[in-house]
Amino acid sequence: MTAPKFIEIDGKRYLWRDVVKLRQEQRLAAAKAQQPPLFELRDDCRPVSERTAAGRYREPSLFSFFGHGRSARALKQQHPQEREPES
């Protein structure tokens, strides 16, 4: 049995090879499509083992127990300590 030369869609006859060609063009266009990011992308500067939750669980760092992995500088910026008045 040979492949049909024509296909009927909504009462109209189309050449099968034209339908295949249009579909290939659609696939190529979809593969080239890019979606812009919704927010600024930043590089992750953490060590490789700390970039995923599984990595942080497998290899906890010394500082992960203090401040949930935040550095001392980040903690000071979030919660500045008030100085005691000098007498």
PDB file of N, CA and C in Angstrom:
ATOM      1  N   MET A   1       0.841  -1.173   0.000  1.00  0.00           N
ATOM      2  CA  MET A   1       0.000   0.000   0.000  1.00  0.00           C
ATOM      3  C   MET A   1       0.890   1.242   0.000  1.00  0.00           C
ATOM      4  N   THR A   2       0.589   2.176  -0.856  1.00  0.00           N
ATOM      5  CA  THR A   2       1.388   3.389  -0.972  1.00  0.00           C
ATOM      6  C   THR A   2       0.811   4.488  -0.084  1.00  0.00           C
ATOM      7  N   ALA A   3       1.666   5.450   0.239  1.00  0.00           N
ATOM      8  CA  ALA A   3       1.235   6.571   1.063  1.00  0.00           C
ATOM      9  C   ALA A   3       0.305   7.472   0.253  1.00  0.00           C
ATOM     10  N   PRO A   4      -0.694   8.048   0.885  1.00  0.00           N
ATOM     11  CA  PRO A   4      -1.622   8.909   0.135  1.00  0.00           C
ATOM     12  C   PRO A   4      -0.923  10.200  -0.314  1.00  0.00           C
ATOM     13  N   LYS A   5      -1.297  10.692  -1.496  1.00  0.00           N
ATOM     14  CA  LYS A   5      -0.721  11.941  -1.993  1.00  0.00           C
ATOM     15  C   LYS A   5      -1.468  13.144  -1.439  1.00  0.00           C
ATOM     16  N   PHE A   6      -2.726  12.953  -1.127  1.00  0.00           N
ATOM     17  CA  PHE A   6      -3.550  14.055  -0.649  1.00  0.00           C
ATOM     18  C   PHE A   6      -4.156  13.701   0.702  1.00  0.00           C
ATOM     19  N   ILE A   7      -4.471  14.751   1.466  1.00  0.00           N
ATOM     20  CA  ILE A   7      -5.198  14.580   2.720  1.00  0.00           C
ATOM     21  C   ILE A   7      -6.312  15.614   2.726  1.00  0.00           C
ATOM     22  N   GLU A   8      -7.456  15.230   3.227  1.00  0.00           N
ATOM     23  CA  GLU A   8      -8.600  16.134   3.243  1.00  0.00           C
ATOM     24  C   GLU A   8      -8.815  16.637   4.665  1.00  0.00           C
ATOM     25  N   ILE A   9      -8.767  17.961   4.812  1.00  0.00           N
ATOM     26  CA  ILE A   9      -8.968  18.598   6.123  1.00  0.00           C
ATOM     27  C   ILE A   9     -10.041  19.657   5.948  1.00  0.00           C
ATOM     28  N   ASP A  10     -11.115  19.539   6.702  1.00  0.00           N
ATOM     29  CA  ASP A  10     -12.250  20.470   6.636  1.00  0.00           C
ATOM     30  C   ASP A  10     -12.767  20.638   5.214  1.00  0.00           C
ATOM     31  N   GLY A  11     -12.825  19.548   4.470  1.00  0.00           N
ATOM     32  CA  GLY A  11     -13.378  19.598   3.124  1.00  0.00           C
ATOM     33  C   GLY A  11     -12.412  20.114   2.069  1.00  0.00           C
ATOM     34  N   LYS A  12     -11.168  20.414   2.435  1.00  0.00           N
ATOM     35  CA  LYS A  12     -10.174  20.895   1.472  1.00  0.00           C
ATOM     36  C   LYS A  12      -9.102  19.835   1.296  1.00  0.00           C
ATOM     37  N   ARG A  13      -8.619  19.696   0.047  1.00  0.00           N
ATOM     38  CA  ARG A  13      -7.571  18.725  -0.232  1.00  0.00           C
ATOM     39  C   ARG A  13      -6.219  19.413  -0.185  1.00  0.00           C
ATOM     40  N   TYR A  14      -5.276  18.788   0.518  1.00  0.00           N
ATOM     41  CA  TYR A  14      -3.912  19.300   0.627  1.00  0.00           C
ATOM     42  C   TYR A  14      -2.950  18.203   0.183  1.00  0.00           C
ATOM     43  N   LEU A  15      -1.848  18.611  -0.442  1.00  0.00           N
ATOM     44  CA  LEU A  15      -0.795  17.656  -0.755  1.00  0.00           C
ATOM     45  C   LEU A  15      -0.134  17.217   0.539  1.00  0.00           C
ATOM     46  N   TRP A  16       0.038  15.941   0.706  1.00  0.00           N
ATOM     47  CA  TRP A  16       0.630  15.406   1.920  1.00  0.00           C
ATOM     48  C   TRP A  16       2.044  15.938   2.131  1.00  0.00           C
ATOM     49  N   ARG A  17       2.849  16.039   1.064  1.00  0.00           N
ATOM     50  CA  ARG A  17       4.223  16.528   1.206  1.00  0.00           C
ATOM     51  C   ARG A  17       4.252  17.990   1.652  1.00  0.00           C
ATOM     52  N   ASP A  18       3.239  18.794   1.254  1.00  0.00           N
ATOM     53  CA  ASP A  18       3.175  20.183   1.714  1.00  0.00           C
ATOM     54  C   ASP A  18       2.860  20.247   3.209  1.00  0.00           C
ATOM     55  N   VAL A  19       1.990  19.357   3.656  1.00  0.00           N
ATOM     56  CA  VAL A  19       1.654  19.310   5.082  1.00  0.00           C
ATOM     57  C   VAL A  19       2.890  18.917   5.893  1.00  0.00           C
ATOM     58  N   VAL A  20       3.648  17.941   5.413  1.00  0.00           N
ATOM     59  CA  VAL A  20       4.859  17.500   6.104  1.00  0.00           C
ATOM     60  C   VAL A  20       5.890  18.626   6.132  1.00  0.00           C
ATOM     61  N   LYS A  21       6.026  19.342   5.006  1.00  0.00           N
ATOM     62  CA  LYS A  21       6.981  20.451   4.932  1.00  0.00           C
ATOM     63  C   LYS A  21       6.604  21.573   5.913  1.00  0.00           C
ATOM     64  N   LEU A  22       5.321  21.920   5.983  1.00  0.00           N
ATOM     65  CA  LEU A  22       4.868  22.946   6.927  1.00  0.00           C
ATOM     66  C   LEU A  22       5.127  22.529   8.372  1.00  0.00           C
ATOM     67  N   ARG A  23       4.893  21.248   8.652  1.00  0.00           N
ATOM     68  CA  ARG A  23       5.125  20.751  10.017  1.00  0.00           C
ATOM     69  C   ARG A  23       6.600  20.823  10.376  1.00  0.00           C
ATOM     70  N   GLN A  24       7.494  20.504   9.438  1.00  0.00           N
ATOM     71  CA  GLN A  24       8.929  20.608   9.699  1.00  0.00           C
ATOM     72  C   GLN A  24       9.336  22.050   9.969  1.00  0.00           C
ATOM     73  N   GLU A  25       8.757  22.997   9.221  1.00  0.00           N
ATOM     74  CA  GLU A  25       9.042  24.411   9.452  1.00  0.00           C
ATOM     75  C   GLU A  25       8.558  24.848  10.833  1.00  0.00           C
ATOM     76  N   GLN A  26       7.393  24.343  11.244  1.00  0.00           N
ATOM     77  CA  GLN A  26       6.889  24.666  12.579  1.00  0.00           C
ATOM     78  C   GLN A  26       7.826  24.144  13.664  1.00  0.00           C
ATOM     79  N   ARG A  27       8.316  22.924  13.496  1.00  0.00           N
ATOM     80  CA  ARG A  27       9.215  22.335  14.487  1.00  0.00           C
ATOM     81  C   ARG A  27      10.520  23.113  14.571  1.00  0.00           C
ATOM     82  N   LEU A  28      11.062  23.535  13.418  1.00  0.00           N
ATOM     83  CA  LEU A  28      12.299  24.322  13.426  1.00  0.00           C
ATOM     84  C   LEU A  28      12.086  25.677  14.095  1.00  0.00           C
ATOM     85  N   ALA A  29      10.952  26.308  13.814  1.00  0.00           N
ATOM     86  CA  ALA A  29      10.660  27.598  14.430  1.00  0.00           C
ATOM     87  C   ALA A  29      10.491  27.461  15.941  1.00  0.00           C
ATOM     88  N   ALA A  30       9.857  26.385  16.385  1.00  0.00           N
ATOM     89  CA  ALA A  30       9.663  26.167  17.824  1.00  0.00           C
ATOM     90  C   ALA A  30      10.989  25.889  18.518  1.00  0.00           C
ATOM     91  N   ALA A  31      11.905  25.208  17.819  1.00  0.00           N
ATOM     92  CA  ALA A  31      13.206  24.904  18.420  1.00  0.00           C
ATOM     93  C   ALA A  31      14.059  26.166  18.566  1.00  0.00           C
ATOM     94  N   LYS A  32      13.862  27.143  17.685  1.00  0.00           N
ATOM     95  CA  LYS A  32      14.645  28.382  17.735  1.00  0.00           C
ATOM     96  C   LYS A  32      14.046  29.421  18.685  1.00  0.00           C
ATOM     97  N   ALA A  33      12.816  29.225  19.111  1.00  0.00           N
ATOM     98  CA  ALA A  33      12.139  30.204  19.962  1.00  0.00           C
ATOM     99  C   ALA A  33      12.842  30.328  21.302  1.00  0.00           C
ATOM    100  N   GLN A  34      12.963  31.555  21.770  1.00  0.00           N
ATOM    101  CA  GLN A  34      13.581  31.817  23.068  1.00  0.00           C
ATOM    102  C   GLN A  34      12.613  32.625  23.912  1.00  0.00           C
ATOM    103  N   GLN A  35      12.552  32.275  25.180  1.00  0.00           N
ATOM    104  CA  GLN A  35      11.719  33.025  26.108  1.00  0.00           C
ATOM    105  C   GLN A  35      12.625  33.882  26.963  1.00  0.00           C
ATOM    106  N   PRO A  36      12.401  35.191  27.006  1.00  0.00           N
ATOM    107  CA  PRO A  36      13.254  36.043  27.836  1.00  0.00           C
ATOM    108  C   PRO A  36      13.033  35.751  29.314  1.00  0.00           C
ATOM    109  N   PRO A  37      14.066  35.910  30.131  1.00  0.00           N
ATOM    110  CA  PRO A  37      13.902  35.651  31.569  1.00  0.00           C
ATOM    111  C   PRO A  37      12.992  36.688  32.214  1.00  0.00           C
ATOM    112  N   LEU A  38      12.307  36.276  33.252  1.00  0.00           N
ATOM    113  CA  LEU A  38      11.392  37.171  33.960  1.00  0.00           C
ATOM    114  C   LEU A  38      12.117  38.052  34.970  1.00  0.00           C
ATOM    115  N   PHE A  39      13.352  37.686  35.323  1.00  0.00           N
ATOM    116  CA  PHE A  39      14.116  38.439  36.304  1.00  0.00           C
ATOM    117  C   PHE A  39      15.591  38.317  35.952  1.00  0.00           C
ATOM    118  N   GLU A  40      16.405  39.134  36.568  1.00  0.00           N
ATOM    119  CA  GLU A  40      17.834  39.123  36.300  1.00  0.00           C
ATOM    120  C   GLU A  40      18.449  37.809  36.786  1.00  0.00           C
ATOM    121  N   LEU A  41      19.191  37.155  35.910  1.00  0.00           N
ATOM    122  CA  LEU A  41      19.846  35.908  36.271  1.00  0.00           C
ATOM    123  C   LEU A  41      21.187  36.218  36.922  1.00  0.00           C
ATOM    124  N   ARG A  42      21.456  35.571  38.014  1.00  0.00           N
ATOM    125  CA  ARG A  42      22.707  35.793  38.747  1.00  0.00           C
ATOM    126  C   ARG A  42      23.508  34.507  38.780  1.00  0.00           C
ATOM    127  N   ASP A  43      24.829  34.647  38.801  1.00  0.00           N
ATOM    128  CA  ASP A  43      25.692  33.480  38.920  1.00  0.00           C
ATOM    129  C   ASP A  43      25.686  32.999  40.363  1.00  0.00           C
ATOM    130  N   ASP A  44      25.662  31.705  40.538  1.00  0.00           N
ATOM    131  CA  ASP A  44      25.694  31.105  41.868  1.00  0.00           C
ATOM    132  C   ASP A  44      27.150  30.973  42.289  1.00  0.00           C
ATOM    133  N   CYS A  45      27.561  31.751  43.283  1.00  0.00           N
ATOM    134  CA  CYS A  45      28.966  31.770  43.692  1.00  0.00           C
ATOM    135  C   CYS A  45      29.256  30.780  44.824  1.00  0.00           C
ATOM    136  N   ARG A  46      28.265  30.003  45.218  1.00  0.00           N
ATOM    137  CA  ARG A  46      28.488  29.029  46.280  1.00  0.00           C
ATOM    138  C   ARG A  46      29.338  27.870  45.766  1.00  0.00           C
ATOM    139  N   PRO A  47      30.008  27.163  46.666  1.00  0.00           N
ATOM    140  CA  PRO A  47      30.734  25.958  46.241  1.00  0.00           C
ATOM    141  C   PRO A  47      29.760  24.947  45.631  1.00  0.00           C
ATOM    142  N   VAL A  48      30.260  24.102  44.758  1.00  0.00           N
ATOM    143  CA  VAL A  48      29.419  23.150  44.032  1.00  0.00           C
ATOM    144  C   VAL A  48      28.598  22.290  44.982  1.00  0.00           C
ATOM    145  N   SER A  49      29.172  21.863  46.097  1.00  0.00           N
ATOM    146  CA  SER A  49      28.447  20.978  47.012  1.00  0.00           C
ATOM    147  C   SER A  49      27.312  21.695  47.741  1.00  0.00           C
ATOM    148  N   GLU A  50      27.317  23.024  47.769  1.00  0.00           N
ATOM    149  CA  GLU A  50      26.276  23.763  48.486  1.00  0.00           C
ATOM    150  C   GLU A  50      25.191  24.315  47.569  1.00  0.00           C
ATOM    151  N   ARG A  51      25.239  24.007  46.278  1.00  0.00           N
ATOM    152  CA  ARG A  51      24.261  24.563  45.342  1.00  0.00           C
ATOM    153  C   ARG A  51      22.931  23.837  45.363  1.00  0.00           C
ATOM    154  N   THR A  52      22.890  22.614  45.849  1.00  0.00           N
ATOM    155  CA  THR A  52      21.639  21.870  45.932  1.00  0.00           C
ATOM    156  C   THR A  52      21.381  21.466  47.371  1.00  0.00           C
ATOM    157  N   ALA A  53      20.129  21.188  47.678  1.00  0.00           N
ATOM    158  CA  ALA A  53      19.780  20.760  49.027  1.00  0.00           C
ATOM    159  C   ALA A  53      20.439  19.430  49.356  1.00  0.00           C
ATOM    160  N   ALA A  54      20.498  18.544  48.367  1.00  0.00           N
ATOM    161  CA  ALA A  54      21.123  17.242  48.592  1.00  0.00           C
ATOM    162  C   ALA A  54      22.611  17.404  48.896  1.00  0.00           C
ATOM    163  N   GLY A  55      23.267  18.323  48.196  1.00  0.00           N
ATOM    164  CA  GLY A  55      24.683  18.564  48.442  1.00  0.00           C
ATOM    165  C   GLY A  55      24.925  19.151  49.822  1.00  0.00           C
ATOM    166  N   ARG A  56      24.051  20.065  50.242  1.00  0.00           N
ATOM    167  CA  ARG A  56      24.205  20.658  51.580  1.00  0.00           C
ATOM    168  C   ARG A  56      23.964  19.612  52.662  1.00  0.00           C
ATOM    169  N   TYR A  57      23.086  18.654  52.404  1.00  0.00           N
ATOM    170  CA  TYR A  57      22.822  17.597  53.372  1.00  0.00           C
ATOM    171  C   TYR A  57      24.009  16.628  53.443  1.00  0.00           C
ATOM    172  N   ARG A  58      24.546  16.268  52.257  1.00  0.00           N
ATOM    173  CA  ARG A  58      25.656  15.314  52.213  1.00  0.00           C
ATOM    174  C   ARG A  58      26.935  15.897  52.808  1.00  0.00           C
ATOM    175  N   GLU A  59      27.204  17.162  52.526  1.00  0.00           N
ATOM    176  CA  GLU A  59      28.449  17.777  52.981  1.00  0.00           C
ATOM    177  C   GLU A  59      28.159  19.088  53.703  1.00  0.00           C
ATOM    178  N   PRO A  60      27.681  19.028  54.938  1.00  0.00           N
ATOM    179  CA  PRO A  60      27.429  20.291  55.654  1.00  0.00           C
ATOM    180  C   PRO A  60      28.742  21.009  55.931  1.00  0.00           C
ATOM    181  N   SER A  61      28.729  22.308  55.778  1.00  0.00           N
ATOM    182  CA  SER A  61      29.947  23.072  56.032  1.00  0.00           C
ATOM    183  C   SER A  61      29.994  23.497  57.497  1.00  0.00           C
ATOM    184  N   LEU A  62      31.119  23.966  57.911  1.00  0.00           N
ATOM    185  CA  LEU A  62      31.313  24.386  59.289  1.00  0.00           C
ATOM    186  C   LEU A  62      30.379  25.531  59.644  1.00  0.00           C
ATOM    187  N   PHE A  63      30.148  26.437  58.685  1.00  0.00           N
ATOM    188  CA  PHE A  63      29.350  27.626  58.958  1.00  0.00           C
ATOM    189  C   PHE A  63      27.852  27.403  58.750  1.00  0.00           C
ATOM    190  N   SER A  64      27.444  26.239  58.288  1.00  0.00           N
ATOM    191  CA  SER A  64      26.021  26.006  58.058  1.00  0.00           C
ATOM    192  C   SER A  64      25.245  25.888  59.371  1.00  0.00           C
ATOM    193  N   PHE A  65      25.929  25.610  60.472  1.00  0.00           N
ATOM    194  CA  PHE A  65      25.244  25.492  61.762  1.00  0.00           C
ATOM    195  C   PHE A  65      24.979  26.852  62.390  1.00  0.00           C
ATOM    196  N   PHE A  66      25.715  27.869  61.962  1.00  0.00           N
ATOM    197  CA  PHE A  66      25.541  29.218  62.496  1.00  0.00           C
ATOM    198  C   PHE A  66      24.840  30.065  61.452  1.00  0.00           C
ATOM    199  N   GLY A  67      23.634  30.473  61.720  1.00  0.00           N
ATOM    200  CA  GLY A  67      22.927  31.371  60.816  1.00  0.00           C
ATOM    201  C   GLY A  67      22.416  30.695  59.558  1.00  0.00           C
ATOM    202  N   HIS A  68      22.217  29.413  59.558  1.00  0.00           N
ATOM    203  CA  HIS A  68      21.645  28.672  58.441  1.00  0.00           C
ATOM    204  C   HIS A  68      22.423  28.886  57.153  1.00  0.00           C
ATOM    205  N   GLY A  69      23.743  28.869  57.249  1.00  0.00           N
ATOM    206  CA  GLY A  69      24.577  28.961  56.061  1.00  0.00           C
ATOM    207  C   GLY A  69      24.897  30.371  55.636  1.00  0.00           C
ATOM    208  N   ARG A  70      24.340  31.367  56.304  1.00  0.00           N
ATOM    209  CA  ARG A  70      24.630  32.751  55.934  1.00  0.00           C
ATOM    210  C   ARG A  70      25.951  33.181  56.551  1.00  0.00           C
ATOM    211  N   SER A  71      26.629  34.053  55.873  1.00  0.00           N
ATOM    212  CA  SER A  71      27.903  34.531  56.387  1.00  0.00           C
ATOM    213  C   SER A  71      27.660  35.520  57.521  1.00  0.00           C
ATOM    214  N   ALA A  72      28.689  35.771  58.276  1.00  0.00           N
ATOM    215  CA  ALA A  72      28.574  36.711  59.398  1.00  0.00           C
ATOM    216  C   ALA A  72      28.252  38.107  58.889  1.00  0.00           C
ATOM    217  N   ARG A  73      28.819  38.478  57.747  1.00  0.00           N
ATOM    218  CA  ARG A  73      28.559  39.810  57.186  1.00  0.00           C
ATOM    219  C   ARG A  73      27.079  39.948  56.826  1.00  0.00           C
ATOM    220  N   ALA A  74      26.485  38.906  56.235  1.00  0.00           N
ATOM    221  CA  ALA A  74      25.077  38.959  55.865  1.00  0.00           C
ATOM    222  C   ALA A  74      24.197  39.060  57.105  1.00  0.00           C
ATOM    223  N   LEU A  75      24.581  38.358  58.167  1.00  0.00           N
ATOM    224  CA  LEU A  75      23.807  38.437  59.401  1.00  0.00           C
ATOM    225  C   LEU A  75      23.876  39.827  60.018  1.00  0.00           C
ATOM    226  N   LYS A  76      25.064  40.448  59.974  1.00  0.00           N
ATOM    227  CA  LYS A  76      25.200  41.796  60.535  1.00  0.00           C
ATOM    228  C   LYS A  76      24.383  42.800  59.734  1.00  0.00           C
ATOM    229  N   GLN A  77      24.303  42.621  58.425  1.00  0.00           N
ATOM    230  CA  GLN A  77      23.532  43.546  57.600  1.00  0.00           C
ATOM    231  C   GLN A  77      22.046  43.391  57.859  1.00  0.00           C
ATOM    232  N   GLN A  78      21.589  42.186  58.130  1.00  0.00           N
ATOM    233  CA  GLN A  78      20.177  41.974  58.394  1.00  0.00           C
ATOM    234  C   GLN A  78      19.786  42.391  59.806  1.00  0.00           C
ATOM    235  N   HIS A  79      20.665  42.140  60.795  1.00  0.00           N
ATOM    236  CA  HIS A  79      20.366  42.435  62.185  1.00  0.00           C
ATOM    237  C   HIS A  79      21.531  43.227  62.795  1.00  0.00           C
ATOM    238  N   PRO A  80      21.617  44.492  62.505  1.00  0.00           N
ATOM    239  CA  PRO A  80      22.740  45.249  63.079  1.00  0.00           C
ATOM    240  C   PRO A  80      22.595  45.326  64.602  1.00  0.00           C
ATOM    241  N   GLN A  81      23.687  45.080  65.289  1.00  0.00           N
ATOM    242  CA  GLN A  81      23.658  45.116  66.746  1.00  0.00           C
ATOM    243  C   GLN A  81      23.772  46.567  67.211  1.00  0.00           C
ATOM    244  N   GLU A  82      22.962  46.874  68.197  1.00  0.00           N
ATOM    245  CA  GLU A  82      23.034  48.232  68.742  1.00  0.00           C
ATOM    246  C   GLU A  82      24.228  48.321  69.702  1.00  0.00           C
ATOM    247  N   ARG A  83      24.914  49.414  69.591  1.00  0.00           N
ATOM    248  CA  ARG A  83      26.052  49.603  70.489  1.00  0.00           C
ATOM    249  C   ARG A  83      25.564  50.123  71.823  1.00  0.00           C
ATOM    250  N   GLU A  84      26.242  49.671  72.869  1.00  0.00           N
ATOM    251  CA  GLU A  84      25.898  50.161  74.197  1.00  0.00           C
ATOM    252  C   GLU A  84      26.447  51.568  74.365  1.00  0.00           C
ATOM    253  N   PRO A  85      25.697  52.430  74.999  1.00  0.00           N
ATOM    254  CA  PRO A  85      26.201  53.815  75.197  1.00  0.00           C
ATOM    255  C   PRO A  85      27.424  53.797  76.096  1.00  0.00           C
ATOM    256  N   GLU A  86      28.421  54.581  75.686  1.00  0.00           N
ATOM    257  CA  GLU A  86      29.647  54.644  76.471  1.00  0.00           C
ATOM    258  C   GLU A  86      29.447  55.555  77.679  1.00  0.00           C
ATOM    259  N   SER A  87      30.007  55.177  78.821  1.00  0.00           N
ATOM    260  CA  SER A  87      29.833  55.956  80.055  1.00  0.00           C
ATOM    261  C   SER A  87      30.969  56.892  80.236  1.00  0.00           C
TER     262      SER A  87
END
